Amino acid sequence: MAQTGASQPSPHTPGPAPHRAATPHSAPGTGAPGAPGASGASTTPPAITERPALPRLVAITPPDNDDDIARFALYAARDIEQLGLQFPAQAANAAPDTEVVITMRLRDGATSRMRDFSRQHMNEPMTLIVDGVEMLTATIRSELGGKFQLQLPKEKARLLFQRVLAKAGPAT
């Protein structure tokens, strides 16, 4: 299910990619206080860290006989800790944003279930169901954990957020 693009980690890489911090560089004429040419004020920029790439689940066309496809169900109120929405950059000649990326972070219990499920069904198609709605069918290519992304058509994402927000109750 974790069909990843070129920027994603290899399925053989255990766990998320480590954070990498940029090495701070001193500007000419600066350095440690008391060092020759030191001005006493630090001009060292803050360290920059890269976010690890999350596995991205990309929809596939399921076979006509989808009775053999494993299903994994999540319930927003119980299983999902955080949902995010990203609008990918579009090329100038591309169709208007027809797909969006949903970032999902699961609670601990759901993370354990997802990890076990993905191990058992490696290299098999699976259908992800959220609050009773089939979100996508994808092939599991690596162990999944509690953080991943779904690449969905805009209408499917709208349905997901409507369902989740309806179950969340009235806004206060």
Protein backbone atom coordinates (compact mmCIF):
# COMPACT_ATOMS: atom_id res chain seq x y z
CA MET A 1 0.00 0.00 0.00
CA ALA A 2 2.85 2.36 0.60
CA GLN A 3 3.64 3.08 -2.99
CA THR A 4 6.19 5.79 -2.68
CA GLY A 5 7.69 8.36 -4.99
CA ALA A 6 11.36 9.07 -5.55
CA SER A 7 11.55 11.31 -2.49
CA GLN A 8 10.24 8.63 -0.16
CA PRO A 9 12.47 6.32 1.90
CA SER A 10 13.26 2.86 0.60
CA PRO A 11 10.92 0.14 1.89
CA HIS A 12 14.04 -1.52 3.32
CA THR A 13 14.85 1.48 5.51
CA PRO A 14 13.71 0.72 9.07
CA GLY A 15 11.65 3.47 10.67
CA PRO A 16 11.47 7.11 9.67
CA ALA A 17 14.45 8.91 8.23
CA PRO A 18 16.57 10.62 10.90
CA HIS A 19 16.43 14.35 11.34
CA ARG A 20 19.40 16.08 9.76
CA ALA A 21 20.52 19.43 11.06
CA ALA A 22 22.44 21.87 8.95
CA THR A 23 25.90 22.68 10.24
CA PRO A 24 26.01 26.29 11.42
CA HIS A 25 28.72 28.36 9.75
CA SER A 26 30.32 31.46 11.18
CA ALA A 27 30.44 34.59 9.09
CA PRO A 28 33.88 36.10 8.46
CA GLY A 29 35.04 38.18 11.38
CA THR A 30 32.91 36.32 13.92
CA GLY A 31 33.70 33.45 16.17
CA ALA A 32 33.74 32.56 19.81
CA PRO A 33 33.71 35.52 22.18
CA GLY A 34 37.27 36.50 22.96
CA ALA A 35 38.57 35.00 19.73
CA PRO A 36 40.40 37.29 17.33
CA GLY A 37 37.89 39.13 15.14
CA ALA A 38 34.95 38.22 17.37
CA SER A 39 32.28 40.87 17.67
CA GLY A 40 30.64 39.37 20.73
CA ALA A 41 27.29 38.99 18.94
CA SER A 42 26.52 35.65 17.40
CA THR A 43 25.41 35.64 13.79
CA THR A 44 25.04 31.86 13.64
CA PRO A 45 21.73 30.98 11.98
CA PRO A 46 19.46 28.53 13.81
CA ALA A 47 19.84 24.88 12.87
CA ILE A 48 17.55 23.74 10.06
CA THR A 49 16.01 20.29 10.25
CA GLU A 50 14.39 18.30 7.50
CA ARG A 51 11.16 16.46 8.16
CA PRO A 52 11.31 12.74 7.53
CA ALA A 53 9.36 11.60 4.48
CA LEU A 54 6.16 9.78 5.36
CA PRO A 55 4.99 6.69 3.50
CA ARG A 56 2.41 7.79 0.92
CA LEU A 57 -0.50 5.52 0.09
CA VAL A 58 -1.44 5.95 -3.55
CA ALA A 59 -4.67 4.48 -4.88
CA ILE A 60 -4.53 1.59 -7.31
CA THR A 61 -7.32 0.12 -9.40
CA PRO A 62 -8.44 -2.95 -7.51
CA PRO A 63 -8.98 -6.17 -9.48
CA ASP A 64 -12.55 -6.98 -10.53
CA ASN A 65 -12.70 -9.65 -7.84
CA ASP A 66 -11.91 -7.54 -4.77
CA ASP A 67 -13.25 -10.12 -2.32
CA ASP A 68 -9.66 -11.19 -1.59
CA ILE A 69 -8.47 -7.67 -0.69
CA ALA A 70 -7.70 -7.18 2.97
CA ARG A 71 -9.55 -4.31 4.65
CA PHE A 72 -8.25 -2.10 7.43
CA ALA A 73 -10.84 0.01 9.28
CA LEU A 74 -10.16 3.16 11.28
CA TYR A 75 -12.63 5.17 13.34
CA ALA A 76 -11.82 8.85 13.63
CA ALA A 77 -12.90 9.38 17.23
CA ARG A 78 -11.04 6.32 18.49
CA ASP A 79 -8.07 5.87 16.16
CA ILE A 80 -7.05 9.14 14.52
CA GLU A 81 -5.10 11.70 16.51
CA GLN A 82 -4.43 14.23 13.74
CA LEU A 83 -5.51 14.86 10.14
CA GLY A 84 -3.81 17.34 7.84
CA LEU A 85 -4.51 18.52 4.31
CA GLN A 86 -1.96 19.52 1.66
CA PHE A 87 -2.55 20.85 -1.82
CA PRO A 88 0.37 19.69 -3.98
CA ALA A 89 1.95 22.18 -6.34
CA GLN A 90 0.55 21.90 -9.85
CA ALA A 91 2.48 22.23 -13.09
CA ALA A 92 1.37 25.10 -15.32
CA ASN A 93 -0.25 22.76 -17.84
CA ALA A 94 -1.69 20.28 -15.31
CA ALA A 95 -5.36 19.87 -14.54
CA PRO A 96 -6.57 22.04 -11.67
CA ASP A 97 -5.87 20.46 -8.29
CA THR A 98 -7.87 17.28 -8.60
CA GLU A 99 -5.91 15.43 -5.93
CA VAL A 100 -4.88 16.35 -2.42
CA VAL A 101 -2.66 14.73 0.18
CA ILE A 102 -4.08 13.84 3.57
CA THR A 103 -1.54 13.46 6.38
CA MET A 104 -2.73 11.15 9.13
CA ARG A 105 -1.34 10.41 12.58
CA LEU A 106 -2.85 7.51 14.52
CA ARG A 107 -3.22 6.95 18.24
CA ASP A 108 -1.03 4.27 19.86
CA GLY A 109 -3.54 1.38 19.66
CA ALA A 110 -4.29 2.03 15.99
CA THR A 111 -0.55 2.38 15.27
CA SER A 112 0.08 -1.12 16.66
CA ARG A 113 -2.81 -2.57 14.64
CA MET A 114 -1.60 -0.85 11.45
CA ARG A 115 1.97 -2.10 11.97
CA ASP A 116 0.83 -5.70 12.55
CA PHE A 117 -1.61 -5.58 9.64
CA SER A 118 0.97 -4.23 7.19
CA ARG A 119 3.49 -6.90 8.20
CA GLN A 120 0.93 -9.66 7.63
CA HIS A 121 -0.17 -8.29 4.23
CA MET A 122 3.14 -7.11 2.75
CA ASN A 123 3.05 -6.74 -1.06
CA GLU A 124 -0.72 -7.29 -1.10
CA PRO A 125 -3.49 -4.82 -1.89
CA MET A 126 -5.49 -3.46 1.01
CA THR A 127 -8.50 -1.17 1.27
CA LEU A 128 -8.38 1.55 3.92
CA ILE A 129 -11.78 2.33 5.43
CA VAL A 130 -12.35 5.39 7.62
CA ASP A 131 -15.66 5.70 9.47
CA GLY A 132 -17.27 3.22 7.09
CA VAL A 133 -16.11 4.93 3.87
CA GLU A 134 -13.66 3.13 1.57
CA MET A 135 -10.93 5.74 1.10
CA LEU A 136 -8.54 3.91 -1.21
CA THR A 137 -7.08 0.59 -2.22
CA ALA A 138 -3.29 0.43 -2.38
CA THR A 139 -0.51 -2.14 -2.29
CA ILE A 140 1.46 -2.42 0.94
CA ARG A 141 5.14 -1.98 0.06
CA SER A 142 6.62 -1.37 3.52
CA GLU A 143 5.68 -1.64 7.16
CA LEU A 144 3.27 1.12 8.06
CA GLY A 145 3.11 2.77 11.42
CA GLY A 146 1.23 5.66 12.94
CA LYS A 147 2.13 8.40 10.44
CA PHE A 148 1.42 8.27 6.72
CA GLN A 149 -0.10 10.16 3.83
CA LEU A 150 -3.00 9.37 1.54
CA GLN A 151 -3.09 10.76 -1.98
CA LEU A 152 -6.80 11.13 -2.72
CA PRO A 153 -9.11 12.74 -5.23
CA LYS A 154 -10.43 16.02 -3.85
CA GLU A 155 -14.00 14.68 -3.61
CA LYS A 156 -12.89 11.67 -1.53
CA ALA A 157 -10.97 13.99 0.82
CA ARG A 158 -14.04 16.21 1.16
CA LEU A 159 -16.11 13.17 2.14
CA LEU A 160 -13.49 12.12 4.71
CA PHE A 161 -13.43 15.52 6.39
CA GLN A 162 -17.23 15.82 6.36
CA ARG A 163 -17.55 12.44 8.05
CA VAL A 164 -14.86 13.16 10.62
CA LEU A 165 -16.20 16.63 11.45
CA ALA A 166 -19.79 15.36 11.71
CA LYS A 167 -18.68 12.83 14.32
CA ALA A 168 -16.72 15.48 16.21
CA GLY A 169 -19.94 17.25 17.25
CA PRO A 170 -20.78 20.94 17.21
CA ALA A 171 -18.06 23.57 17.20
CA THR A 172 -17.62 25.48 20.42
